[in-house]
Amino acid sequence: MEDKLLTKAQANVNPMLMSPAIANLVDNAIKYSGSPSLIELKLKHTTSEIVIRIRDQGIGIEGDELERVQERFYRAKNASTANGSGRCKRTNTL
């Protein structure tokens, strides 16, 4: 069965929060991935939710640090390879 191309999805979100969140995740995927590297953005929807998934081939983050990624300005131990104020885990789902 052939996948249908999703051309439109609608969700009630706060654009002042959602836009910078997605931009930050994509920016981190670029910043922490080597060159050449694959960065994949996928959108999945059901009748009750939309999931945006951003996957990269970057340095990742250790499991014991995952609970801290939402702290403002937190940088993982392995984040010294790039400039910035934080790091997101390898696969991010909003």
Protein backbone atom coordinates (compact mmCIF):
# COMPACT_ATOMS: atom_id res chain seq x y z
CA MET A 1 0.00 0.00 0.00
CA GLU A 2 1.39 3.39 -0.98
CA ASP A 3 1.68 6.11 1.67
CA LYS A 4 -0.38 9.19 0.98
CA LEU A 5 1.51 12.47 1.11
CA LEU A 6 0.31 14.54 4.04
CA THR A 7 -0.29 18.05 2.76
CA LYS A 8 -2.02 19.61 5.74
CA ALA A 9 -2.36 19.03 9.47
CA GLN A 10 -3.91 21.33 12.02
CA ALA A 11 -3.35 21.57 15.78
CA ASN A 12 -4.21 24.08 18.46
CA VAL A 13 -0.81 25.18 19.78
CA ASN A 14 0.77 28.30 21.17
CA PRO A 15 2.81 29.52 18.18
CA MET A 16 5.00 31.66 20.47
CA LEU A 17 6.15 28.44 22.17
CA MET A 18 5.92 25.88 19.36
CA SER A 19 7.87 27.75 16.69
CA PRO A 20 10.99 28.36 18.84
CA ALA A 21 10.83 24.80 20.21
CA ILE A 22 10.91 23.26 16.73
CA ALA A 23 13.56 25.72 15.56
CA ASN A 24 15.73 24.86 18.57
CA LEU A 25 15.44 21.12 17.97
CA VAL A 26 16.37 21.46 14.31
CA ASP A 27 19.19 23.87 15.17
CA ASN A 28 20.58 21.40 17.72
CA ALA A 29 20.29 18.55 15.22
CA ILE A 30 22.39 20.54 12.76
CA LYS A 31 24.82 21.82 15.39
CA TYR A 32 25.55 18.45 17.00
CA SER A 33 25.63 16.29 13.88
CA GLY A 34 28.74 15.82 11.81
CA SER A 35 28.98 16.49 8.13
CA PRO A 36 27.66 14.74 6.13
CA SER A 37 24.72 13.79 8.29
CA LEU A 38 21.05 12.91 7.92
CA ILE A 39 18.44 14.97 9.77
CA GLU A 40 14.94 13.57 9.44
CA LEU A 41 11.70 15.40 10.21
CA LYS A 42 8.49 13.39 10.29
CA LEU A 43 4.93 14.36 11.05
CA LYS A 44 2.42 11.76 12.18
CA HIS A 45 -1.18 12.44 13.02
CA THR A 46 -4.18 10.67 14.41
CA THR A 47 -7.63 12.00 15.20
CA SER A 48 -6.41 13.18 18.61
CA GLU A 49 -2.76 14.24 18.18
CA ILE A 50 0.03 15.35 15.91
CA VAL A 51 3.55 14.11 16.60
CA ILE A 52 6.57 15.90 15.16
CA ARG A 53 9.68 13.74 15.21
CA ILE A 54 13.15 15.10 14.57
CA ARG A 55 15.93 12.55 14.33
CA ASP A 56 19.61 13.21 13.76
CA GLN A 57 22.91 11.39 13.76
CA GLY A 58 24.42 13.65 16.40
CA ILE A 59 26.33 12.97 19.57
CA GLY A 60 23.22 12.11 21.58
CA ILE A 61 22.86 12.47 25.32
CA GLU A 62 23.46 9.98 28.10
CA GLY A 63 20.37 8.45 29.72
CA ASP A 64 21.24 9.77 33.18
CA GLU A 65 21.11 13.34 31.80
CA LEU A 66 17.78 13.10 29.97
CA GLU A 67 15.73 14.35 32.91
CA ARG A 68 17.71 17.61 32.87
CA VAL A 69 17.31 18.53 29.18
CA GLN A 70 14.34 20.79 29.93
CA GLU A 71 16.31 22.87 32.42
CA ARG A 72 17.07 26.28 31.06
CA PHE A 73 20.67 26.56 29.80
CA TYR A 74 21.51 22.97 30.76
CA ARG A 75 24.36 21.53 28.68
CA ALA A 76 25.16 17.83 28.67
CA LYS A 77 28.69 16.73 29.54
CA ASN A 78 29.42 15.87 25.91
CA ALA A 79 28.12 19.21 24.56
CA SER A 80 31.53 20.89 24.53
CA THR A 81 31.88 19.98 20.85
CA ALA A 82 29.57 22.83 19.80
CA ASN A 83 28.55 26.28 20.98
CA GLY A 84 25.08 26.91 22.35
CA SER A 85 23.07 26.90 25.53
CA GLY A 86 21.66 23.35 25.62
CA ARG A 87 21.26 19.96 23.98
CA CYS A 88 18.35 17.80 23.07
CA LYS A 89 18.32 14.04 22.93
CA ARG A 90 18.96 12.20 19.67
CA THR A 91 15.30 11.56 18.81
CA ASN A 92 12.90 14.28 19.88
CA THR A 93 9.18 14.07 19.95
CA LEU A 94 6.97 17.06 20.65
